[in-house]
C-alpha atoms as a PDB file:
ATOM      1  CA  MET A   1     -17.302  -0.015 -12.538  1.00  0.00           C
ATOM      2  CA  THR A   2     -19.448  -0.659  -9.702  1.00  0.00           C
ATOM      3  CA  GLU A   3     -21.630   2.153  -7.965  1.00  0.00           C
ATOM      4  CA  GLN A   4     -19.103   2.492  -5.207  1.00  0.00           C
ATOM      5  CA  ALA A   5     -15.995   2.621  -7.689  1.00  0.00           C
ATOM      6  CA  MET A   6     -17.612   5.802  -9.574  1.00  0.00           C
ATOM      7  CA  ASP A   7     -18.578   7.543  -6.629  1.00  0.00           C
ATOM      8  CA  TRP A   8     -14.924   6.639  -5.696  1.00  0.00           C
ATOM      9  CA  GLN A   9     -13.851   8.348  -9.118  1.00  0.00           C
ATOM     10  CA  GLU A  10     -16.066  10.865  -9.304  1.00  0.00           C
ATOM     11  CA  LEU A  11     -14.870  12.027  -6.121  1.00  0.00           C
ATOM     12  CA  THR A  12     -11.508  12.095  -7.512  1.00  0.00           C
ATOM     13  CA  ASN A  13     -12.489  14.118  -9.925  1.00  0.00           C
ATOM     14  CA  LEU A  14     -13.815  16.744  -7.940  1.00  0.00           C
ATOM     15  CA  THR A  15     -10.679  17.235  -5.885  1.00  0.00           C
ATOM     16  CA  GLY A  16      -9.270  17.459  -9.372  1.00  0.00           C
ATOM     17  CA  GLY A  17      -6.369  15.693  -7.312  1.00  0.00           C
ATOM     18  CA  ARG A  18      -6.040  18.033  -4.423  1.00  0.00           C
ATOM     19  CA  PRO A  19      -4.817  16.094  -0.894  1.00  0.00           C
ATOM     20  CA  PHE A  20      -7.819  16.060   0.579  1.00  0.00           C
ATOM     21  CA  VAL A  21      -9.643  14.605   4.497  1.00  0.00           C
ATOM     22  CA  VAL A  22     -12.034  11.912   4.832  1.00  0.00           C
ATOM     23  CA  GLU A  23     -13.806  13.184   8.500  1.00  0.00           C
ATOM     24  CA  ARG A  24     -16.893  10.738   8.169  1.00  0.00           C
ATOM     25  CA  VAL A  25     -17.007   6.835   7.934  1.00  0.00           C
ATOM     26  CA  ARG A  26     -19.998   5.473   7.723  1.00  0.00           C
ATOM     27  CA  LEU A  27     -20.437   1.260   8.215  1.00  0.00           C
ATOM     28  CA  ALA A  28     -23.084   0.189   5.642  1.00  0.00           C
ATOM     29  CA  GLU A  29     -24.830  -2.518   8.364  1.00  0.00           C
ATOM     30  CA  GLY A  30     -25.822  -1.170  11.527  1.00  0.00           C
ATOM     31  CA  GLY A  31     -26.004   2.447  11.210  1.00  0.00           C
ATOM     32  CA  ILE A  32     -22.831   3.267  12.811  1.00  0.00           C
ATOM     33  CA  ALA A  33     -21.161   6.538  12.055  1.00  0.00           C
ATOM     34  CA  ILE A  34     -17.683   6.987  13.628  1.00  0.00           C
ATOM     35  CA  GLU A  35     -16.586  10.808  13.003  1.00  0.00           C
ATOM     36  CA  GLY A  36     -12.654  12.457  12.979  1.00  0.00           C
ATOM     37  CA  GLU A  37     -10.306  12.941  10.479  1.00  0.00           C
ATOM     38  CA  PHE A  38      -8.672   9.648   7.743  1.00  0.00           C
ATOM     39  CA  GLU A  39      -5.853   9.410   5.922  1.00  0.00           C
ATOM     40  CA  LEU A  40      -6.723   7.861   2.883  1.00  0.00           C
ATOM     41  CA  PRO A  41      -4.982   4.036   2.382  1.00  0.00           C
ATOM     42  CA  GLN A  42      -1.775   5.220  -0.053  1.00  0.00           C
ATOM     43  CA  LEU A  43      -3.369   3.541  -3.617  1.00  0.00           C
ATOM     44  CA  ALA A  44      -6.638   5.637  -3.041  1.00  0.00           C
ATOM     45  CA  GLN A  45      -4.516   8.320  -3.218  1.00  0.00           C
ATOM     46  CA  LEU A  46      -3.417   7.180  -6.530  1.00  0.00           C
ATOM     47  CA  THR A  47      -5.235   9.195  -9.429  1.00  0.00           C
ATOM     48  CA  VAL A  48      -7.761   7.316 -10.460  1.00  0.00           C
ATOM     49  CA  GLU A  49      -5.645   6.096 -13.806  1.00  0.00           C
ATOM     50  CA  ASP A  50      -2.961   4.916 -11.974  1.00  0.00           C
ATOM     51  CA  GLN A  51      -5.875   2.396  -9.171  1.00  0.00           C
ATOM     52  CA  VAL A  52      -6.444   1.559 -13.017  1.00  0.00           C
ATOM     53  CA  PHE A  53      -2.974   0.986 -14.362  1.00  0.00           C
ATOM     54  CA  VAL A  54      -2.151  -0.708 -10.725  1.00  0.00           C
ATOM     55  CA  THR A  55      -5.718  -3.289 -10.797  1.00  0.00           C
ATOM     56  CA  ALA A  56      -4.793  -4.224 -14.024  1.00  0.00           C
ATOM     57  CA  PHE A  57      -1.101  -4.995 -13.110  1.00  0.00           C
ATOM     58  CA  VAL A  58      -2.711  -7.217  -9.824  1.00  0.00           C
ATOM     59  CA  ARG A  59      -4.500  -9.275 -12.043  1.00  0.00           C
ATOM     60  CA  CYS A  60      -1.873  -9.860 -14.537  1.00  0.00           C
ATOM     61  CA  HIS A  61      -0.348 -11.098 -11.921  1.00  0.00           C
ATOM     62  CA  GLY A  62       2.215  -8.670 -12.750  1.00  0.00           C
ATOM     63  CA  SER A  63       2.952 -10.141 -16.549  1.00  0.00           C
ATOM     64  CA  ILE A  64       4.588  -6.304 -18.480  1.00  0.00           C
ATOM     65  CA  LYS A  65       4.466  -8.409 -21.387  1.00  0.00           C
ATOM     66  CA  GLN A  66      -0.042  -8.518 -20.511  1.00  0.00           C
ATOM     67  CA  MET A  67       0.412  -4.363 -19.687  1.00  0.00           C
ATOM     68  CA  GLU A  68       2.018  -4.634 -22.644  1.00  0.00           C
ATOM     69  CA  ARG A  69      -1.007  -6.236 -25.044  1.00  0.00           C
ATOM     70  CA  ILE A  70      -4.213  -4.584 -22.143  1.00  0.00           C
ATOM     71  CA  PHE A  71      -2.634  -0.629 -22.842  1.00  0.00           C
ATOM     72  CA  GLY A  72      -1.270  -0.769 -26.453  1.00  0.00           C
ATOM     73  CA  VAL A  73       2.326   0.891 -25.238  1.00  0.00           C
ATOM     74  CA  SER A  74       5.271  -0.544 -24.963  1.00  0.00           C
ATOM     75  CA  TYR A  75       7.837  -2.316 -22.009  1.00  0.00           C
ATOM     76  CA  PRO A  76       9.897   0.754 -21.287  1.00  0.00           C
ATOM     77  CA  THR A  77       6.523   3.008 -21.164  1.00  0.00           C
ATOM     78  CA  ILE A  78       4.682   0.422 -18.613  1.00  0.00           C
ATOM     79  CA  LYS A  79       8.437   0.064 -16.336  1.00  0.00           C
ATOM     80  CA  SER A  80       8.384   4.222 -16.656  1.00  0.00           C
ATOM     81  CA  ARG A  81       5.108   4.098 -15.372  1.00  0.00           C
ATOM     82  CA  LEU A  82       5.421   1.692 -12.489  1.00  0.00           C
ATOM     83  CA  ASN A  83       8.647   3.157 -11.339  1.00  0.00           C
ATOM     84  CA  ARG A  84       6.571   6.745 -11.152  1.00  0.00           C
ATOM     85  CA  ILE A  85       3.882   4.690  -9.018  1.00  0.00           C
ATOM     86  CA  THR A  86       6.432   3.706  -6.897  1.00  0.00           C
ATOM     87  CA  ARG A  87       7.849   6.327  -5.972  1.00  0.00           C
ATOM     88  CA  ALA A  88       4.768   7.498  -4.813  1.00  0.00           C
ATOM     89  CA  LEU A  89       3.824   4.966  -2.525  1.00  0.00           C
ATOM     90  CA  ASP A  90       6.009   4.439   0.410  1.00  0.00           C
ATOM     91  CA  PHE A  91       7.896   1.018   1.325  1.00  0.00           C
ATOM     92  CA  VAL A  92       5.596  -1.080   4.132  1.00  0.00           C
ATOM     93  CA  GLU A  93       7.947  -3.217   5.939  1.00  0.00           C
ATOM     94  CA  THR A  94       7.155  -6.670   5.709  1.00  0.00           C
ATOM     95  CA  ASP A  95       9.213  -7.875   7.944  1.00  0.00           C
ATOM     96  CA  PRO A  96       9.641  -5.329  11.172  1.00  0.00           C
ATOM     97  CA  ALA A  97      12.999  -5.642  12.901  1.00  0.00           C
ATOM     98  CA  PRO A  98      11.806  -8.082  16.328  1.00  0.00           C
ATOM     99  CA  SER A  99      11.258  -6.106  19.871  1.00  0.00           C
ATOM    100  CA  ARG A 100      13.613  -6.986  23.002  1.00  0.00           C
ATOM    101  CA  ALA A 101      11.063  -9.376  24.077  1.00  0.00           C
ATOM    102  CA  ASP A 102      11.465 -11.843  20.645  1.00  0.00           C
ATOM    103  CA  ILE A 103      14.941 -11.562  20.875  1.00  0.00           C
ATOM    104  CA  ILE A 104      15.258 -12.618  24.624  1.00  0.00           C
ATOM    105  CA  ASP A 105      12.548 -15.130  23.927  1.00  0.00           C
ATOM    106  CA  ARG A 106      14.131 -16.507  20.938  1.00  0.00           C
ATOM    107  CA  LEU A 107      18.019 -16.834  23.377  1.00  0.00           C
ATOM    108  CA  ARG A 108      15.526 -18.912  25.637  1.00  0.00           C
ATOM    109  CA  ARG A 109      14.505 -21.140  23.749  1.00  0.00           C
ATOM    110  CA  GLY A 110      18.404 -21.334  21.895  1.00  0.00           C
ATOM    111  CA  GLU A 111      17.888 -20.388  18.379  1.00  0.00           C
ATOM    112  CA  ILE A 112      20.280 -17.618  18.734  1.00  0.00           C
ATOM    113  CA  THR A 113      23.673 -17.656  20.780  1.00  0.00           C
ATOM    114  CA  ALA A 114      23.995 -14.474  23.500  1.00  0.00           C
ATOM    115  CA  GLN A 115      26.518 -12.964  20.962  1.00  0.00           C
ATOM    116  CA  GLN A 116      23.555 -12.957  18.485  1.00  0.00           C
ATOM    117  CA  ALA A 117      21.554 -11.612  21.169  1.00  0.00           C
ATOM    118  CA  LEU A 118      24.014  -9.201  21.606  1.00  0.00           C
ATOM    119  CA  SER A 119      23.848  -7.877  18.214  1.00  0.00           C
ATOM    120  CA  GLU A 120      20.386  -7.283  17.365  1.00  0.00           C
ATOM    121  CA  MET A 121      19.760  -5.918  20.917  1.00  0.00           C
ATOM    122  CA  GLU A 122      22.548  -3.670  19.872  1.00  0.00           C
ATOM    123  CA  ALA A 123      21.136  -3.135  15.922  1.00  0.00           C
ATOM    124  CA  LEU A 124      18.063  -1.771  17.788  1.00  0.00           C
ATOM    125  CA  THR A 125      19.442   1.236  19.552  1.00  0.00           C
END
């Protein structure tokens, strides 16, 4: 494990899974430090074991069969753990609703009709 990963694991173990706040961030180069209250990314809020599990899942390109071999557990066990981790994470919207300006631009370019533009505008309210 890298030194940074070990530090993170030690911090996670030290907090015992209790929520904590990061109040200072220092850039490795340039000696710049920023102080304030920073929320941890969702994946960093998972237990170390769940972080390892997610990392393995990504490295396996989502192959549950490979995960079964790596962890030596059954398909239902992998699915159950994935479902539990999924419930712990907020969904990140990857296709947000268009802004009013986007709708008007598409209307001007003739990509949508006036009726479609009105429908989309109504959906925003």
